Amino acid sequence: YYRLKINLSDTMFETTLPITVALNIPENTWLVYPLPATEIINLRYT
């Protein structure tokens, strides 16, 4: 899981929603990216 911590000062910050990245991708499946989606989402057959 990944997220961004946006540092506004030494003591103030905001964080983004966490995103998930699957690492064990089996063959003959589909990979979706980027996550989260913005204007386009892509699918790739493995």
ModelCIF file with pLDDT and N, C-alpha, C, O atoms, coordinates in Angstrom:
data_MODEL
#
_entry.id   MODEL 
#
_entity.id                         1 
_entity.type                       polymer 
_entity.pdbx_number_of_molecules   1 
#
_entity_poly.entity_id                      1 
_entity_poly.type                           'polypeptide(L)' 
_entity_poly.nstd_linkage                   no 
_entity_poly.nstd_monomer                   no 
_entity_poly.pdbx_seq_one_letter_code       YYRLKINLSDTMFETTLPITVALNIPENTWLVYPLPATEIINLRYT 
_entity_poly.pdbx_seq_one_letter_code_can   YYRLKINLSDTMFETTLPITVALNIPENTWLVYPLPATEIINLRYT 
_entity_poly.pdbx_strand_id                 A 
#
loop_
_entity_poly_seq.entity_id 
_entity_poly_seq.num 
_entity_poly_seq.mon_id 
_entity_poly_seq.hetero 
1 1  TYR n 
1 2  TYR n 
1 3  ARG n 
1 4  LEU n 
1 5  LYS n 
1 6  ILE n 
1 7  ASN n 
1 8  LEU n 
1 9  SER n 
1 10 ASP n 
1 11 THR n 
1 12 MET n 
1 13 PHE n 
1 14 GLU n 
1 15 THR n 
1 16 THR n 
1 17 LEU n 
1 18 PRO n 
1 19 ILE n 
1 20 THR n 
1 21 VAL n 
1 22 ALA n 
1 23 LEU n 
1 24 ASN n 
1 25 ILE n 
1 26 PRO n 
1 27 GLU n 
1 28 ASN n 
1 29 THR n 
1 30 TRP n 
1 31 LEU n 
1 32 VAL n 
1 33 TYR n 
1 34 PRO n 
1 35 LEU n 
1 36 PRO n 
1 37 ALA n 
1 38 THR n 
1 39 GLU n 
1 40 ILE n 
1 41 ILE n 
1 42 ASN n 
1 43 LEU n 
1 44 ARG n 
1 45 TYR n 
1 46 THR n 
#
_struct_asym.id          A 
_struct_asym.entity_id   1 
#
loop_
_ma_qa_metric.id 
_ma_qa_metric.mode 
_ma_qa_metric.name 
_ma_qa_metric.software_group_id 
_ma_qa_metric.type 
1 global pLDDT . pLDDT 
2 local  pLDDT . pLDDT 
#
_ma_qa_metric_global.metric_id      1 
_ma_qa_metric_global.metric_value   81.74 
_ma_qa_metric_global.model_id       1 
_ma_qa_metric_global.ordinal_id     1 
#
loop_
_ma_qa_metric_local.label_asym_id 
_ma_qa_metric_local.label_comp_id 
_ma_qa_metric_local.label_seq_id 
_ma_qa_metric_local.metric_id 
_ma_qa_metric_local.metric_value 
_ma_qa_metric_local.model_id 
_ma_qa_metric_local.ordinal_id 
A TYR 1  2 87.00 1 1  
A TYR 2  2 90.00 1 2  
A ARG 3  2 90.00 1 3  
A LEU 4  2 90.00 1 4  
A LYS 5  2 92.00 1 5  
A ILE 6  2 91.00 1 6  
A ASN 7  2 91.00 1 7  
A LEU 8  2 91.00 1 8  
A SER 9  2 86.00 1 9  
A ASP 10 2 82.00 1 10 
A THR 11 2 86.00 1 11 
A MET 12 2 91.00 1 12 
A PHE 13 2 91.00 1 13 
A GLU 14 2 89.00 1 14 
A THR 15 2 88.00 1 15 
A THR 16 2 83.00 1 16 
A LEU 17 2 77.00 1 17 
A PRO 18 2 81.00 1 18 
A ILE 19 2 79.00 1 19 
A THR 20 2 77.00 1 20 
A VAL 21 2 79.00 1 21 
A ALA 22 2 73.00 1 22 
A LEU 23 2 74.00 1 23 
A ASN 24 2 66.00 1 24 
A ILE 25 2 61.00 1 25 
A PRO 26 2 62.00 1 26 
A GLU 27 2 63.00 1 27 
A ASN 28 2 69.00 1 28 
A THR 29 2 77.00 1 29 
A TRP 30 2 83.00 1 30 
A LEU 31 2 81.00 1 31 
A VAL 32 2 85.00 1 32 
A TYR 33 2 81.00 1 33 
A PRO 34 2 79.00 1 34 
A LEU 35 2 75.00 1 35 
A PRO 36 2 77.00 1 36 
A ALA 37 2 82.00 1 37 
A THR 38 2 78.00 1 38 
A GLU 39 2 84.00 1 39 
A ILE 40 2 87.00 1 40 
A ILE 41 2 88.00 1 41 
A ASN 42 2 88.00 1 42 
A LEU 43 2 87.00 1 43 
A ARG 44 2 85.00 1 44 
A TYR 45 2 85.00 1 45 
A THR 46 2 79.00 1 46 
#
loop_
_atom_site.group_PDB 
_atom_site.id 
_atom_site.type_symbol 
_atom_site.label_atom_id 
_atom_site.label_alt_id 
_atom_site.label_comp_id 
_atom_site.label_asym_id 
_atom_site.label_entity_id 
_atom_site.label_seq_id 
_atom_site.pdbx_PDB_ins_code 
_atom_site.Cartn_x 
_atom_site.Cartn_y 
_atom_site.Cartn_z 
_atom_site.occupancy 
_atom_site.B_iso_or_equiv 
_atom_site.pdbx_formal_charge 
_atom_site.auth_seq_id 
_atom_site.auth_comp_id 
_atom_site.auth_asym_id 
_atom_site.auth_atom_id 
_atom_site.pdbx_PDB_model_num 
ATOM 1   N N  . TYR A 1 1  ? 0.849  -1.183  0.000   1.00 87.00 ? 1  TYR A N  1 
ATOM 2   C CA . TYR A 1 1  ? 0.000  0.000   0.000   1.00 87.00 ? 1  TYR A CA 1 
ATOM 3   C C  . TYR A 1 1  ? 0.893  1.245   0.000   1.00 87.00 ? 1  TYR A C  1 
ATOM 4   O O  . TYR A 1 1  ? 1.949  1.270   0.632   1.00 87.00 ? 1  TYR A O  1 
ATOM 5   N N  . TYR A 1 2  ? 0.451  2.260   -0.712  1.00 90.00 ? 2  TYR A N  1 
ATOM 6   C CA . TYR A 1 2  ? 1.201  3.509   -0.781  1.00 90.00 ? 2  TYR A CA 1 
ATOM 7   C C  . TYR A 1 2  ? 0.263  4.688   -0.527  1.00 90.00 ? 2  TYR A C  1 
ATOM 8   O O  . TYR A 1 2  ? -0.922 4.639   -0.858  1.00 90.00 ? 2  TYR A O  1 
ATOM 9   N N  . ARG A 1 3  ? 0.814  5.747   0.067   1.00 90.00 ? 3  ARG A N  1 
ATOM 10  C CA . ARG A 1 3  ? 0.091  7.006   0.201   1.00 90.00 ? 3  ARG A CA 1 
ATOM 11  C C  . ARG A 1 3  ? 1.109  8.140   0.262   1.00 90.00 ? 3  ARG A C  1 
ATOM 12  O O  . ARG A 1 3  ? 2.292  7.922   0.524   1.00 90.00 ? 3  ARG A O  1 
ATOM 13  N N  . LEU A 1 4  ? 0.624  9.352   0.015   1.00 90.00 ? 4  LEU A N  1 
ATOM 14  C CA . LEU A 1 4  ? 1.454  10.545  0.102   1.00 90.00 ? 4  LEU A CA 1 
ATOM 15  C C  . LEU A 1 4  ? 1.131  11.318  1.370   1.00 90.00 ? 4  LEU A C  1 
ATOM 16  O O  . LEU A 1 4  ? -0.034 11.494  1.726   1.00 90.00 ? 4  LEU A O  1 
ATOM 17  N N  . LYS A 1 5  ? 2.159  11.768  2.033   1.00 92.00 ? 5  LYS A N  1 
ATOM 18  C CA . LYS A 1 5  ? 2.016  12.702  3.149   1.00 92.00 ? 5  LYS A CA 1 
ATOM 19  C C  . LYS A 1 5  ? 2.434  14.067  2.625   1.00 92.00 ? 5  LYS A C  1 
ATOM 20  O O  . LYS A 1 5  ? 3.589  14.267  2.252   1.00 92.00 ? 5  LYS A O  1 
ATOM 21  N N  . ILE A 1 6  ? 1.485  15.014  2.597   1.00 91.00 ? 6  ILE A N  1 
ATOM 22  C CA . ILE A 1 6  ? 1.752  16.360  2.087   1.00 91.00 ? 6  ILE A CA 1 
ATOM 23  C C  . ILE A 1 6  ? 2.094  17.239  3.275   1.00 91.00 ? 6  ILE A C  1 
ATOM 24  O O  . ILE A 1 6  ? 1.223  17.569  4.081   1.00 91.00 ? 6  ILE A O  1 
ATOM 25  N N  . ASN A 1 7  ? 3.356  17.619  3.386   1.00 91.00 ? 7  ASN A N  1 
ATOM 26  C CA . ASN A 1 7  ? 3.830  18.390  4.524   1.00 91.00 ? 7  ASN A CA 1 
ATOM 27  C C  . ASN A 1 7  ? 3.606  19.875  4.275   1.00 91.00 ? 7  ASN A C  1 
ATOM 28  O O  . ASN A 1 7  ? 4.182  20.451  3.352   1.00 91.00 ? 7  ASN A O  1 
ATOM 29  N N  . LEU A 1 8  ? 2.758  20.499  5.110   1.00 91.00 ? 8  LEU A N  1 
ATOM 30  C CA . LEU A 1 8  ? 2.429  21.905  4.967   1.00 91.00 ? 8  LEU A CA 1 
ATOM 31  C C  . LEU A 1 8  ? 3.294  22.781  5.870   1.00 91.00 ? 8  LEU A C  1 
ATOM 32  O O  . LEU A 1 8  ? 3.467  23.969  5.596   1.00 91.00 ? 8  LEU A O  1 
ATOM 33  N N  . SER A 1 9  ? 3.828  22.214  6.927   1.00 86.00 ? 9  SER A N  1 
ATOM 34  C CA . SER A 1 9  ? 4.760  22.884  7.835   1.00 86.00 ? 9  SER A CA 1 
ATOM 35  C C  . SER A 1 9  ? 5.450  21.798  8.633   1.00 86.00 ? 9  SER A C  1 
ATOM 36  O O  . SER A 1 9  ? 5.302  20.613  8.332   1.00 86.00 ? 9  SER A O  1 
ATOM 37  N N  . ASP A 1 10 ? 6.203  22.190  9.649   1.00 82.00 ? 10 ASP A N  1 
ATOM 38  C CA . ASP A 1 10 ? 6.895  21.187  10.481  1.00 82.00 ? 10 ASP A CA 1 
ATOM 39  C C  . ASP A 1 10 ? 5.918  20.324  11.271  1.00 82.00 ? 10 ASP A C  1 
ATOM 40  O O  . ASP A 1 10 ? 6.254  19.208  11.666  1.00 82.00 ? 10 ASP A O  1 
ATOM 41  N N  . THR A 1 11 ? 4.704  20.839  11.502  1.00 86.00 ? 11 THR A N  1 
ATOM 42  C CA . THR A 1 11 ? 3.761  20.115  12.361  1.00 86.00 ? 11 THR A CA 1 
ATOM 43  C C  . THR A 1 11 ? 2.416  19.847  11.700  1.00 86.00 ? 11 THR A C  1 
ATOM 44  O O  . THR A 1 11 ? 1.569  19.176  12.290  1.00 86.00 ? 11 THR A O  1 
ATOM 45  N N  . MET A 1 12 ? 2.200  20.351  10.497  1.00 91.00 ? 12 MET A N  1 
ATOM 46  C CA . MET A 1 12 ? 0.915  20.153  9.828   1.00 91.00 ? 12 MET A CA 1 
ATOM 47  C C  . MET A 1 12 ? 1.099  19.375  8.526   1.00 91.00 ? 12 MET A C  1 
ATOM 48  O O  . MET A 1 12 ? 2.021  19.647  7.757   1.00 91.00 ? 12 MET A O  1 
ATOM 49  N N  . PHE A 1 13 ? 0.227  18.419  8.290   1.00 91.00 ? 13 PHE A N  1 
ATOM 50  C CA . PHE A 1 13 ? 0.308  17.621  7.073   1.00 91.00 ? 13 PHE A CA 1 
ATOM 51  C C  . PHE A 1 13 ? -1.074 17.098  6.708   1.00 91.00 ? 13 PHE A C  1 
ATOM 52  O O  . PHE A 1 13 ? -1.993 17.102  7.527   1.00 91.00 ? 13 PHE A O  1 
ATOM 53  N N  . GLU A 1 14 ? -1.203 16.649  5.470   1.00 89.00 ? 14 GLU A N  1 
ATOM 54  C CA . GLU A 1 14 ? -2.389 15.965  4.985   1.00 89.00 ? 14 GLU A CA 1 
ATOM 55  C C  . GLU A 1 14 ? -1.931 14.705  4.276   1.00 89.00 ? 14 GLU A C  1 
ATOM 56  O O  . GLU A 1 14 ? -0.793 14.633  3.811   1.00 89.00 ? 14 GLU A O  1 
ATOM 57  N N  . THR A 1 15 ? -2.800 13.714  4.189   1.00 88.00 ? 15 THR A N  1 
ATOM 58  C CA . THR A 1 15 ? -2.444 12.480  3.494   1.00 88.00 ? 15 THR A CA 1 
ATOM 59  C C  . THR A 1 15 ? -3.464 12.152  2.421   1.00 88.00 ? 15 THR A C  1 
ATOM 60  O O  . THR A 1 15 ? -4.632 12.531  2.518   1.00 88.00 ? 15 THR A O  1 
ATOM 61  N N  . THR A 1 16 ? -3.010 11.445  1.397   1.00 83.00 ? 16 THR A N  1 
ATOM 62  C CA . THR A 1 16 ? -3.912 10.979  0.354   1.00 83.00 ? 16 THR A CA 1 
ATOM 63  C C  . THR A 1 16 ? -4.522 9.646   0.774   1.00 83.00 ? 16 THR A C  1 
ATOM 64  O O  . THR A 1 16 ? -4.061 9.011   1.723   1.00 83.00 ? 16 THR A O  1 
ATOM 65  N N  . LEU A 1 17 ? -5.544 9.240   0.069   1.00 77.00 ? 17 LEU A N  1 
ATOM 66  C CA . LEU A 1 17 ? -6.067 7.888   0.244   1.00 77.00 ? 17 LEU A CA 1 
ATOM 67  C C  . LEU A 1 17 ? -4.992 6.878   -0.152  1.00 77.00 ? 17 LEU A C  1 
ATOM 68  O O  . LEU A 1 17 ? -4.267 7.113   -1.119  1.00 77.00 ? 17 LEU A O  1 
ATOM 69  N N  . PRO A 1 18 ? -4.869 5.765   0.564   1.00 81.00 ? 18 PRO A N  1 
ATOM 70  C CA . PRO A 1 18 ? -3.884 4.751   0.162   1.00 81.00 ? 18 PRO A CA 1 
ATOM 71  C C  . PRO A 1 18 ? -4.317 4.039   -1.119  1.00 81.00 ? 18 PRO A C  1 
ATOM 72  O O  . PRO A 1 18 ? -5.508 3.869   -1.381  1.00 81.00 ? 18 PRO A O  1 
ATOM 73  N N  . ILE A 1 19 ? -3.334 3.631   -1.903  1.00 79.00 ? 19 ILE A N  1 
ATOM 74  C CA . ILE A 1 19 ? -3.592 2.828   -3.094  1.00 79.00 ? 19 ILE A CA 1 
ATOM 75  C C  . ILE A 1 19 ? -2.925 1.467   -2.912  1.00 79.00 ? 19 ILE A C  1 
ATOM 76  O O  . ILE A 1 19 ? -1.933 1.346   -2.194  1.00 79.00 ? 19 ILE A O  1 
ATOM 77  N N  . THR A 1 20 ? -3.471 0.458   -3.560  1.00 77.00 ? 20 THR A N  1 
ATOM 78  C CA . THR A 1 20 ? -3.001 -0.920  -3.411  1.00 77.00 ? 20 THR A CA 1 
ATOM 79  C C  . THR A 1 20 ? -2.297 -1.370  -4.686  1.00 77.00 ? 20 THR A C  1 
ATOM 80  O O  . THR A 1 20 ? -2.778 -1.116  -5.790  1.00 77.00 ? 20 THR A O  1 
ATOM 81  N N  . VAL A 1 21 ? -1.169 -2.033  -4.531  1.00 79.00 ? 21 VAL A N  1 
ATOM 82  C CA . VAL A 1 21 ? -0.450 -2.607  -5.669  1.00 79.00 ? 21 VAL A CA 1 
ATOM 83  C C  . VAL A 1 21 ? -0.290 -4.102  -5.428  1.00 79.00 ? 21 VAL A C  1 
ATOM 84  O O  . VAL A 1 21 ? 0.346  -4.515  -4.458  1.00 79.00 ? 21 VAL A O  1 
ATOM 85  N N  . ALA A 1 22 ? -0.867 -4.911  -6.310  1.00 73.00 ? 22 ALA A N  1 
ATOM 86  C CA . ALA A 1 22 ? -0.721 -6.368  -6.225  1.00 73.00 ? 22 ALA A CA 1 
ATOM 87  C C  . ALA A 1 22 ? 0.630  -6.763  -6.814  1.00 73.00 ? 22 ALA A C  1 
ATOM 88  O O  . ALA A 1 22 ? 0.985  -6.327  -7.909  1.00 73.00 ? 22 ALA A O  1 
ATOM 89  N N  . LEU A 1 23 ? 1.381  -7.586  -6.088  1.00 74.00 ? 23 LEU A N  1 
ATOM 90  C CA . LEU A 1 23 ? 2.734  -7.950  -6.497  1.00 74.00 ? 23 LEU A CA 1 
ATOM 91  C C  . LEU A 1 23 ? 2.816  -9.350  -7.100  1.00 74.00 ? 23 LEU A C  1 
ATOM 92  O O  . LEU A 1 23 ? 3.665  -9.596  -7.957  1.00 74.00 ? 23 LEU A O  1 
ATOM 93  N N  . ASN A 1 24 ? 1.963  -10.261 -6.677  1.00 66.00 ? 24 ASN A N  1 
ATOM 94  C CA . ASN A 1 24 ? 1.952  -11.614 -7.252  1.00 66.00 ? 24 ASN A CA 1 
ATOM 95  C C  . ASN A 1 24 ? 0.888  -11.670 -8.339  1.00 66.00 ? 24 ASN A C  1 
ATOM 96  O O  . ASN A 1 24 ? -0.257 -12.043 -8.081  1.00 66.00 ? 24 ASN A O  1 
ATOM 97  N N  . ILE A 1 25 ? 1.268  -11.299 -9.540  1.00 61.00 ? 25 ILE A N  1 
ATOM 98  C CA . ILE A 1 25 ? 0.329  -11.271 -10.663 1.00 61.00 ? 25 ILE A CA 1 
ATOM 99  C C  . ILE A 1 25 ? 0.477  -12.565 -11.452 1.00 61.00 ? 25 ILE A C  1 
ATOM 100 O O  . ILE A 1 25 ? 1.524  -12.786 -12.061 1.00 61.00 ? 25 ILE A O  1 
ATOM 101 N N  . PRO A 1 26 ? -0.532 -13.423 -11.461 1.00 62.00 ? 26 PRO A N  1 
ATOM 102 C CA . PRO A 1 26 ? -0.422 -14.681 -12.205 1.00 62.00 ? 26 PRO A CA 1 
ATOM 103 C C  . PRO A 1 26 ? -0.455 -14.448 -13.704 1.00 62.00 ? 26 PRO A C  1 
ATOM 104 O O  . PRO A 1 26 ? -0.877 -13.391 -14.174 1.00 62.00 ? 26 PRO A O  1 
ATOM 105 N N  . GLU A 1 27 ? -0.004 -15.449 -14.447 1.00 63.00 ? 27 GLU A N  1 
ATOM 106 C CA . GLU A 1 27 ? -0.084 -15.374 -15.903 1.00 63.00 ? 27 GLU A CA 1 
ATOM 107 C C  . GLU A 1 27 ? -1.549 -15.513 -16.333 1.00 63.00 ? 27 GLU A C  1 
ATOM 108 O O  . GLU A 1 27 ? -2.392 -16.002 -15.581 1.00 63.00 ? 27 GLU A O  1 
ATOM 109 N N  . ASN A 1 28 ? -1.823 -15.071 -17.553 1.00 69.00 ? 28 ASN A N  1 
ATOM 110 C CA . ASN A 1 28 ? -3.155 -15.179 -18.165 1.00 69.00 ? 28 ASN A CA 1 
ATOM 111 C C  . ASN A 1 28 ? -4.224 -14.471 -17.335 1.00 69.00 ? 28 ASN A C  1 
ATOM 112 O O  . ASN A 1 28 ? -5.329 -14.984 -17.155 1.00 69.00 ? 28 ASN A O  1 
ATOM 113 N N  . THR A 1 29 ? -3.877 -13.288 -16.836 1.00 77.00 ? 29 THR A N  1 
ATOM 114 C CA . THR A 1 29 ? -4.849 -12.463 -16.137 1.00 77.00 ? 29 THR A CA 1 
ATOM 115 C C  . THR A 1 29 ? -4.730 -11.038 -16.673 1.00 77.00 ? 29 THR A C  1 
ATOM 116 O O  . THR A 1 29 ? -4.059 -10.797 -17.676 1.00 77.00 ? 29 THR A O  1 
ATOM 117 N N  . TRP A 1 30 ? -5.386 -10.098 -15.997 1.00 83.00 ? 30 TRP A N  1 
ATOM 118 C CA . TRP A 1 30 ? -5.397 -8.711  -16.451 1.00 83.00 ? 30 TRP A CA 1 
ATOM 119 C C  . TRP A 1 30 ? -4.794 -7.817  -15.382 1.00 83.00 ? 30 TRP A C  1 
ATOM 120 O O  . TRP A 1 30 ? -5.051 -7.994  -14.191 1.00 83.00 ? 30 TRP A O  1 
ATOM 121 N N  . LEU A 1 31 ? -3.995 -6.861  -15.813 1.00 81.00 ? 31 LEU A N  1 
ATOM 122 C CA . LEU A 1 31 ? -3.391 -5.873  -14.930 1.00 81.00 ? 31 LEU A CA 1 
ATOM 123 C C  . LEU A 1 31 ? -4.052 -4.531  -15.208 1.00 81.00 ? 31 LEU A C  1 
ATOM 124 O O  . LEU A 1 31 ? -4.117 -4.098  -16.359 1.00 81.00 ? 31 LEU A O  1 
ATOM 125 N N  . VAL A 1 32 ? -4.543 -3.869  -14.166 1.00 85.00 ? 32 VAL A N  1 
ATOM 126 C CA . VAL A 1 32 ? -5.205 -2.577  -14.320 1.00 85.00 ? 32 VAL A CA 1 
ATOM 127 C C  . VAL A 1 32 ? -4.336 -1.487  -13.702 1.00 85.00 ? 32 VAL A C  1 
ATOM 128 O O  . VAL A 1 32 ? -3.796 -1.662  -12.610 1.00 85.00 ? 32 VAL A O  1 
ATOM 129 N N  . TYR A 1 33 ? -4.201 -0.354  -14.406 1.00 81.00 ? 33 TYR A N  1 
ATOM 130 C CA . TYR A 1 33 ? -3.386 0.771   -13.934 1.00 81.00 ? 33 TYR A CA 1 
ATOM 131 C C  . TYR A 1 33 ? -3.804 2.040   -14.687 1.00 81.00 ? 33 TYR A C  1 
ATOM 132 O O  . TYR A 1 33 ? -4.399 1.912   -15.757 1.00 81.00 ? 33 TYR A O  1 
ATOM 133 N N  . PRO A 1 34 ? -3.531 3.251   -14.198 1.00 79.00 ? 34 PRO A N  1 
ATOM 134 C CA . PRO A 1 34 ? -2.988 3.546   -12.869 1.00 79.00 ? 34 PRO A CA 1 
ATOM 135 C C  . PRO A 1 34 ? -4.078 3.429   -11.817 1.00 79.00 ? 34 PRO A C  1 
ATOM 136 O O  . PRO A 1 34 ? -5.267 3.516   -12.124 1.00 79.00 ? 34 PRO A O  1 
ATOM 137 N N  . LEU A 1 35 ? -3.666 3.235   -10.591 1.00 75.00 ? 35 LEU A N  1 
ATOM 138 C CA . LEU A 1 35 ? -4.586 3.170   -9.464  1.00 75.00 ? 35 LEU A CA 1 
ATOM 139 C C  . LEU A 1 35 ? -4.169 4.201   -8.425  1.00 75.00 ? 35 LEU A C  1 
ATOM 140 O O  . LEU A 1 35 ? -3.007 4.229   -8.021  1.00 75.00 ? 35 LEU A O  1 
ATOM 141 N N  . PRO A 1 36 ? -5.086 5.039   -7.990  1.00 77.00 ? 36 PRO A N  1 
ATOM 142 C CA . PRO A 1 36 ? -6.463 5.217   -8.446  1.00 77.00 ? 36 PRO A CA 1 
ATOM 143 C C  . PRO A 1 36 ? -6.512 5.758   -9.869  1.00 77.00 ? 36 PRO A C  1 
ATOM 144 O O  . PRO A 1 36 ? -5.514 6.266   -10.381 1.00 77.00 ? 36 PRO A O  1 
ATOM 145 N N  . ALA A 1 37 ? -7.680 5.647   -10.510 1.00 82.00 ? 37 ALA A N  1 
ATOM 146 C CA . ALA A 1 37 ? -7.849 6.147   -11.867 1.00 82.00 ? 37 ALA A CA 1 
ATOM 147 C C  . ALA A 1 37 ? -8.061 7.650   -11.842 1.00 82.00 ? 37 ALA A C  1 
ATOM 148 O O  . ALA A 1 37 ? -8.624 8.198   -10.894 1.00 82.00 ? 37 ALA A O  1 
ATOM 149 N N  . THR A 1 38 ? -7.601 8.309   -12.899 1.00 78.00 ? 38 THR A N  1 
ATOM 150 C CA . THR A 1 38 ? -7.852 9.739   -13.034 1.00 78.00 ? 38 THR A CA 1 
ATOM 151 C C  . THR A 1 38 ? -8.695 9.971   -14.286 1.00 78.00 ? 38 THR A C  1 
ATOM 152 O O  . THR A 1 38 ? -9.923 9.960   -14.200 1.00 78.00 ? 38 THR A O  1 
ATOM 153 N N  . GLU A 1 39 ? -8.071 10.179  -15.445 1.00 84.00 ? 39 GLU A N  1 
ATOM 154 C CA . GLU A 1 39 ? -8.831 10.409  -16.678 1.00 84.00 ? 39 GLU A CA 1 
ATOM 155 C C  . GLU A 1 39 ? -8.890 9.186   -17.578 1.00 84.00 ? 39 GLU A C  1 
ATOM 156 O O  . GLU A 1 39 ? -9.772 9.084   -18.431 1.00 84.00 ? 39 GLU A O  1 
ATOM 157 N N  . ILE A 1 40 ? -7.956 8.254   -17.394 1.00 87.00 ? 40 ILE A N  1 
ATOM 158 C CA . ILE A 1 40 ? -7.899 7.028   -18.214 1.00 87.00 ? 40 ILE A CA 1 
ATOM 159 C C  . ILE A 1 40 ? -7.504 5.870   -17.313 1.00 87.00 ? 40 ILE A C  1 
ATOM 160 O O  . ILE A 1 40 ? -6.678 6.021   -16.413 1.00 87.00 ? 40 ILE A O  1 
ATOM 161 N N  . ILE A 1 41 ? -8.103 4.718   -17.564 1.00 88.00 ? 41 ILE A N  1 
ATOM 162 C CA . ILE A 1 41 ? -7.668 3.493   -16.898 1.00 88.00 ? 41 ILE A CA 1 
ATOM 163 C C  . ILE A 1 41 ? -7.245 2.506   -17.983 1.00 88.00 ? 41 ILE A C  1 
ATOM 164 O O  . ILE A 1 41 ? -7.891 2.404   -19.026 1.00 88.00 ? 41 ILE A O  1 
ATOM 165 N N  . ASN A 1 42 ? -6.163 1.785   -17.730 1.00 88.00 ? 42 ASN A N  1 
ATOM 166 C CA . ASN A 1 42 ? -5.603 0.860   -18.715 1.00 88.00 ? 42 ASN A CA 1 
ATOM 167 C C  . ASN A 1 42 ? -5.711 -0.579  -18.234 1.00 88.00 ? 42 ASN A C  1 
ATOM 168 O O  . ASN A 1 42 ? -5.592 -0.860  -17.041 1.00 88.00 ? 42 ASN A O  1 
ATOM 169 N N  . LEU A 1 43 ? -5.938 -1.477  -19.172 1.00 87.00 ? 43 LEU A N  1 
ATOM 170 C CA . LEU A 1 43 ? -5.926 -2.911  -18.913 1.00 87.00 ? 43 LEU A CA 1 
ATOM 171 C C  . LEU A 1 43 ? -4.859 -3.546  -19.796 1.00 87.00 ? 43 LEU A C  1 
ATOM 172 O O  . LEU A 1 43 ? -4.728 -3.209  -20.973 1.00 87.00 ? 43 LEU A O  1 
ATOM 173 N N  . ARG A 1 44 ? -4.094 -4.475  -19.210 1.00 85.00 ? 44 ARG A N  1 
ATOM 174 C CA . ARG A 1 44 ? -3.091 -5.197  -19.988 1.00 85.00 ? 44 ARG A CA 1 
ATOM 175 C C  . ARG A 1 44 ? -3.211 -6.680  -19.702 1.00 85.00 ? 44 ARG A C  1 
ATOM 176 O O  . ARG A 1 44 ? -3.198 -7.092  -18.542 1.00 85.00 ? 44 ARG A O  1 
ATOM 177 N N  . TYR A 1 45 ? -3.327 -7.481  -20.740 1.00 85.00 ? 45 TYR A N  1 
ATOM 178 C CA . TYR A 1 45 ? -3.391 -8.940  -20.594 1.00 85.00 ? 45 TYR A CA 1 
ATOM 179 C C  . TYR A 1 45 ? -1.986 -9.474  -20.396 1.00 85.00 ? 45 TYR A C  1 
ATOM 180 O O  . TYR A 1 45 ? -1.091 -9.152  -21.178 1.00 85.00 ? 45 TYR A O  1 
ATOM 181 N N  . THR A 1 46 ? -1.771 -10.293 -19.355 1.00 79.00 ? 46 THR A N  1 
ATOM 182 C CA . THR A 1 46 ? -0.430 -10.755 -19.008 1.00 79.00 ? 46 THR A CA 1 
ATOM 183 C C  . THR A 1 46 ? -0.050 -12.083 -19.660 1.00 79.00 ? 46 THR A C  1 
ATOM 184 O O  . THR A 1 46 ? 1.055  -12.581 -19.447 1.00 79.00 ? 46 THR A O  1 
#
